[in-house]
């Protein structure tokens, strides 16, 4: 009953023929928007997929995939490379227009030597999209009514109260618009995660690791020498402390030996 609370003061002021009628103002705010004739609803589908396959030529597969992504008007949002024992692999995340999603999946399958995983998922968000769109339309119409009410405000107190309501409503509208843009983006562009790998023969992998072992050993040795050089003040202090302790211990033993001889 915001209109009643805000406008009651204006109605009670004497001599103001332009004061608001609370019932009329409330009726103006709460009027139900006219329902438009329902148009055919466009389905909103969010499609995602995962493809994993083996290839003998990792670079060749990459060139083929780049060509396919360009051909179907997609783009890469993430690109990662991995090198583990016995395997060299790469992973791509591709956004592609929803109309080209199935064609891209089929084309990628033709590039693969052997498909290890194929997982395609579809989520229907039509109902949520229509609901968010209707709520957004209602909120905007309510904002227009608040703005009209603001023009008829009689004092500063009413202006501040109405502006507070408009600010809260505007924040809600922006959040709803963000959700609507997200749903539109996810349904207009589908997501395909592509992972492919090339097996590395064990003998070759052992030779590479053996060679890397020598390199890592030399680097560790150099790091150790540098560590010693960096810590030379500590070693000097430690050597001096050991030297002083040894001299003290030697003199102590000598004094103890002399005292034992005199006691005899």
Protein backbone atom coordinates (compact mmCIF):
# COMPACT_ATOMS: atom_id res chain seq x y z
CA UNK A 1 0.00 0.00 0.00
CA UNK A 2 2.86 2.34 -0.83
CA UNK A 3 0.62 4.78 -2.70
CA UNK A 4 -1.79 5.06 0.24
CA UNK A 5 1.02 5.68 2.75
CA UNK A 6 2.89 8.17 0.58
CA UNK A 7 -0.12 10.11 -0.64
CA UNK A 8 -2.18 10.29 2.53
CA UNK A 9 -0.27 13.36 3.67
CA UNK A 10 -0.86 15.07 0.35
CA UNK A 11 -4.59 14.38 0.51
CA UNK A 12 -4.86 15.83 4.01
CA UNK A 13 -3.30 19.19 3.11
CA UNK A 14 -5.81 22.00 2.93
CA UNK A 15 -6.04 24.19 -0.07
CA UNK A 16 -4.36 21.69 -2.43
CA UNK A 17 -6.87 20.68 -5.04
CA UNK A 18 -4.21 18.73 -6.92
CA UNK A 19 -3.65 16.31 -4.01
CA UNK A 20 -3.68 12.62 -4.85
CA UNK A 21 -6.62 10.37 -4.27
CA UNK A 22 -5.17 7.32 -2.41
CA UNK A 23 -7.60 4.85 -3.89
CA UNK A 24 -7.04 6.17 -7.38
CA UNK A 25 -3.26 6.13 -6.99
CA UNK A 26 -3.29 2.60 -5.63
CA UNK A 27 -5.56 1.48 -8.44
CA UNK A 28 -3.19 3.09 -10.95
CA UNK A 29 -0.19 1.20 -9.55
CA UNK A 30 -1.91 -2.15 -9.25
CA UNK A 31 -3.71 -2.15 -12.59
CA UNK A 32 -3.15 -5.39 -14.41
CA UNK A 33 -1.35 -5.03 -17.78
CA UNK A 34 -3.31 -6.10 -20.81
CA UNK A 35 -2.45 -9.56 -21.96
CA UNK A 36 -1.24 -9.66 -25.51
CA UNK A 37 -2.30 -12.40 -27.85
CA UNK A 38 0.02 -15.32 -27.40
CA UNK A 39 2.60 -15.69 -30.16
CA UNK A 40 4.30 -18.95 -31.08
CA UNK A 41 6.93 -19.69 -28.41
CA UNK A 42 10.46 -20.24 -29.65
CA UNK A 43 12.04 -23.09 -27.75
CA UNK A 44 15.16 -22.26 -25.77
CA UNK A 45 17.54 -25.23 -25.58
CA UNK A 46 20.95 -25.27 -23.91
CA UNK A 47 23.12 -27.91 -25.60
CA UNK A 48 26.47 -29.13 -24.31
CA UNK A 49 28.70 -31.98 -25.34
CA UNK A 50 31.96 -33.79 -24.56
CA UNK A 51 34.09 -35.58 -27.15
CA UNK A 52 37.29 -37.48 -26.42
CA UNK A 53 39.36 -39.31 -29.02
CA UNK A 54 42.79 -40.70 -29.87
CA UNK A 55 44.98 -39.53 -32.76
CA UNK A 56 48.42 -40.35 -34.15
CA UNK A 57 49.13 -36.76 -35.17
CA UNK A 58 48.39 -34.22 -32.46
CA UNK A 59 49.36 -31.17 -34.53
CA UNK A 60 47.46 -32.45 -37.56
CA UNK A 61 44.34 -32.94 -35.45
CA UNK A 62 44.72 -29.42 -34.11
CA UNK A 63 44.88 -27.97 -37.63
CA UNK A 64 41.77 -29.91 -38.65
CA UNK A 65 39.85 -28.78 -35.57
CA UNK A 66 40.83 -25.14 -36.08
CA UNK A 67 39.52 -25.37 -39.63
CA UNK A 68 36.24 -26.97 -38.54
CA UNK A 69 35.68 -24.44 -35.77
CA UNK A 70 36.17 -21.60 -38.24
CA UNK A 71 33.96 -23.31 -40.82
CA UNK A 72 31.04 -23.61 -38.39
CA UNK A 73 31.49 -20.05 -37.07
CA UNK A 74 32.60 -21.07 -33.60
CA UNK A 75 35.36 -19.84 -31.33
CA UNK A 76 37.62 -21.28 -28.62
CA UNK A 77 37.11 -20.13 -25.03
CA UNK A 78 39.71 -22.43 -23.39
CA UNK A 79 42.79 -24.26 -24.70
CA UNK A 80 44.94 -26.51 -22.49
CA UNK A 81 47.85 -28.87 -23.19
CA UNK A 82 48.98 -31.76 -20.97
CA UNK A 83 52.01 -34.05 -21.02
CA UNK A 84 51.82 -37.07 -18.72
CA UNK A 85 53.59 -40.42 -18.64
CA UNK A 86 52.74 -42.29 -21.84
CA UNK A 87 50.38 -39.62 -23.20
CA UNK A 88 50.39 -36.15 -24.75
CA UNK A 89 46.96 -34.51 -24.84
CA UNK A 90 45.09 -31.29 -25.53
CA UNK A 91 41.71 -29.96 -24.45
CA UNK A 92 39.49 -27.34 -26.11
CA UNK A 93 36.26 -25.63 -25.07
CA UNK A 94 34.36 -24.38 -28.12
CA UNK A 95 31.29 -22.13 -28.39
CA UNK A 96 29.38 -22.58 -31.64
CA UNK A 97 25.99 -21.33 -32.91
CA UNK A 98 23.28 -23.75 -31.81
CA UNK A 99 22.24 -24.42 -35.43
CA UNK A 100 25.77 -25.66 -36.23
CA UNK A 101 26.28 -27.77 -33.11
CA UNK A 102 25.24 -31.15 -34.56
CA UNK A 103 27.24 -30.57 -37.74
CA UNK A 104 30.37 -29.74 -35.75
CA UNK A 105 29.99 -32.84 -33.57
CA UNK A 106 29.69 -35.01 -36.68
CA UNK A 107 32.71 -33.35 -38.33
CA UNK A 108 34.88 -33.78 -35.25
CA UNK A 109 33.94 -37.45 -35.13
CA UNK A 110 35.27 -37.84 -38.68
CA UNK A 111 38.63 -36.32 -37.66
CA UNK A 112 39.02 -38.73 -34.75
CA UNK A 113 40.85 -41.99 -35.19
CA UNK A 114 38.80 -43.57 -32.43
CA UNK A 115 36.12 -42.00 -30.24
CA UNK A 116 36.64 -42.80 -26.56
CA UNK A 117 33.75 -40.71 -25.20
CA UNK A 118 30.72 -39.00 -26.73
CA UNK A 119 28.34 -37.25 -24.34
CA UNK A 120 25.67 -34.84 -25.65
CA UNK A 121 23.24 -33.13 -23.26
CA UNK A 122 20.21 -30.89 -23.91
CA UNK A 123 18.45 -28.73 -21.33
CA UNK A 124 15.10 -27.13 -22.15
CA UNK A 125 14.90 -23.68 -20.51
CA UNK A 126 11.91 -22.40 -22.50
CA UNK A 127 9.62 -22.27 -19.49
CA UNK A 128 12.14 -20.36 -17.37
CA UNK A 129 12.89 -17.97 -20.23
CA UNK A 130 9.19 -17.15 -20.77
CA UNK A 131 8.67 -16.69 -17.03
CA UNK A 132 11.69 -14.37 -16.63
CA UNK A 133 10.65 -12.40 -19.71
CA UNK A 134 7.10 -11.90 -18.36
CA UNK A 135 8.36 -10.85 -14.92
CA UNK A 136 10.75 -8.37 -16.55
CA UNK A 137 7.93 -6.84 -18.59
CA UNK A 138 5.77 -6.47 -15.48
CA UNK A 139 8.59 -4.86 -13.48
CA UNK A 140 9.25 -2.32 -16.24
CA UNK A 141 5.57 -1.39 -16.41
CA UNK A 142 5.52 -0.95 -12.65
CA UNK A 143 8.60 1.27 -12.87
CA UNK A 144 6.80 3.51 -15.39
CA UNK A 145 3.86 3.87 -12.98
CA UNK A 146 6.21 4.76 -10.13
CA UNK A 147 7.81 7.44 -12.32
CA UNK A 148 4.38 8.92 -13.07
CA UNK A 149 3.61 8.86 -9.36
CA UNK A 150 6.91 10.64 -8.69
CA UNK A 151 5.87 13.51 -10.98
CA UNK A 152 2.74 14.01 -8.83
CA UNK A 153 4.54 13.89 -5.46
CA UNK A 154 3.62 16.84 -3.23
CA UNK A 155 6.67 17.12 -0.95
CA UNK A 156 10.27 15.99 -0.42
CA UNK A 157 9.28 13.15 1.89
CA UNK A 158 7.08 11.59 -0.77
CA UNK A 159 9.77 12.11 -3.43
CA UNK A 160 12.42 10.33 -1.34
CA UNK A 161 10.11 7.43 -0.50
CA UNK A 162 9.10 6.88 -4.13
CA UNK A 163 12.70 7.19 -5.34
CA UNK A 164 13.72 4.52 -2.84
CA UNK A 165 11.14 2.16 -4.27
CA UNK A 166 12.23 2.99 -7.81
CA UNK A 167 15.88 2.26 -6.93
CA UNK A 168 15.04 -1.16 -5.48
CA UNK A 169 12.86 -1.94 -8.49
CA UNK A 170 15.61 -0.85 -10.92
CA UNK A 171 18.14 -3.19 -9.22
CA UNK A 172 15.65 -6.05 -9.53
CA UNK A 173 15.08 -5.21 -13.21
CA UNK A 174 18.82 -5.25 -13.95
CA UNK A 175 19.24 -8.62 -12.22
CA UNK A 176 16.34 -10.05 -14.22
CA UNK A 177 17.78 -8.66 -17.45
CA UNK A 178 21.11 -10.32 -16.62
CA UNK A 179 19.43 -13.69 -16.16
CA UNK A 180 17.57 -13.23 -19.44
CA UNK A 181 20.81 -12.40 -21.29
CA UNK A 182 22.49 -15.47 -19.79
CA UNK A 183 19.71 -17.80 -20.91
CA UNK A 184 19.73 -16.26 -24.39
CA UNK A 185 23.50 -16.61 -24.70
CA UNK A 186 23.52 -20.20 -23.52
CA UNK A 187 20.73 -21.19 -25.91
CA UNK A 188 22.05 -19.25 -28.90
CA UNK A 189 25.59 -20.67 -28.52
CA UNK A 190 26.19 -24.32 -27.67
CA UNK A 191 29.30 -25.58 -25.83
CA UNK A 192 31.47 -28.47 -27.00
CA UNK A 193 34.40 -29.76 -24.94
CA UNK A 194 36.93 -31.59 -27.13
CA UNK A 195 39.76 -33.68 -25.67
CA UNK A 196 42.22 -35.59 -27.82
CA UNK A 197 45.52 -37.34 -27.11
CA UNK A 198 48.45 -39.12 -28.68
CA UNK A 199 49.95 -42.18 -26.95
CA UNK A 200 53.74 -42.04 -26.42
CA UNK A 201 55.64 -45.37 -26.65
CA UNK A 202 57.00 -46.45 -23.27
CA UNK A 203 60.59 -46.94 -24.52
CA UNK A 204 60.64 -43.44 -25.95
CA UNK A 205 59.11 -42.04 -22.81
CA UNK A 206 61.74 -43.82 -20.67
CA UNK A 207 64.56 -42.38 -22.78
CA UNK A 208 63.15 -38.88 -22.51
CA UNK A 209 62.75 -39.18 -18.74
CA UNK A 210 66.29 -40.62 -18.42
CA UNK A 211 67.66 -37.64 -20.35
CA UNK A 212 65.59 -35.23 -18.27
CA UNK A 213 66.95 -36.90 -15.13
CA UNK A 214 70.51 -35.91 -16.03
CA UNK A 215 69.40 -32.35 -16.73
CA UNK A 216 67.47 -32.11 -13.48
CA UNK A 217 70.42 -33.57 -11.53
CA UNK A 218 72.79 -30.93 -12.88
CA UNK A 219 70.31 -28.14 -12.14
CA UNK A 220 69.91 -29.43 -8.57
CA UNK A 221 73.70 -29.52 -8.13
CA UNK A 222 74.03 -25.93 -9.35
CA UNK A 223 71.22 -24.87 -7.04
CA UNK A 224 73.03 -26.55 -4.12
CA UNK A 225 76.28 -24.68 -4.86
CA UNK A 226 74.39 -21.39 -5.12
CA UNK A 227 72.68 -22.15 -1.81
CA UNK A 228 76.06 -22.66 -0.15
CA UNK A 229 77.38 -19.41 -1.60
CA UNK A 230 74.32 -17.49 -0.45
CA UNK A 231 74.68 -18.90 3.07
CA UNK A 232 78.40 -18.17 3.58
CA UNK A 233 77.86 -15.75 6.53
CA UNK A 234 75.97 -18.45 8.37
CA UNK A 235 78.74 -20.98 7.77
CA UNK A 236 81.41 -18.50 8.95
CA UNK A 237 79.53 -17.87 12.18
CA UNK A 238 78.98 -21.60 12.67
CA UNK A 239 82.69 -22.36 12.08
CA UNK A 240 83.70 -19.62 14.54
CA UNK A 241 81.31 -20.99 17.15
CA UNK A 242 82.65 -24.54 16.71
CA UNK A 243 86.24 -23.28 16.94
CA UNK A 244 85.53 -21.35 20.15
CA UNK A 245 83.71 -24.32 21.64
CA UNK A 246 86.62 -26.67 20.78
CA UNK A 247 89.17 -24.34 22.42
CA UNK A 248 87.02 -24.07 25.52
CA UNK A 249 86.62 -27.84 25.74
CA UNK A 250 90.37 -28.42 25.26
CA UNK A 251 91.30 -25.92 28.02
CA UNK A 252 88.71 -27.45 30.31
CA UNK A 253 90.16 -30.92 29.86
CA UNK A 254 93.66 -29.56 30.42
CA UNK A 255 92.64 -27.84 33.67
CA UNK A 256 90.87 -30.99 34.82
CA UNK A 257 93.99 -33.06 34.11
CA UNK A 258 96.21 -30.66 36.06
CA UNK A 259 93.90 -30.67 39.05
CA UNK A 260 93.84 -34.48 39.13
CA UNK A 261 97.65 -34.61 39.02
CA UNK A 262 97.98 -32.18 41.93
CA UNK A 263 95.50 -34.19 43.99
CA UNK A 264 97.70 -37.25 43.74
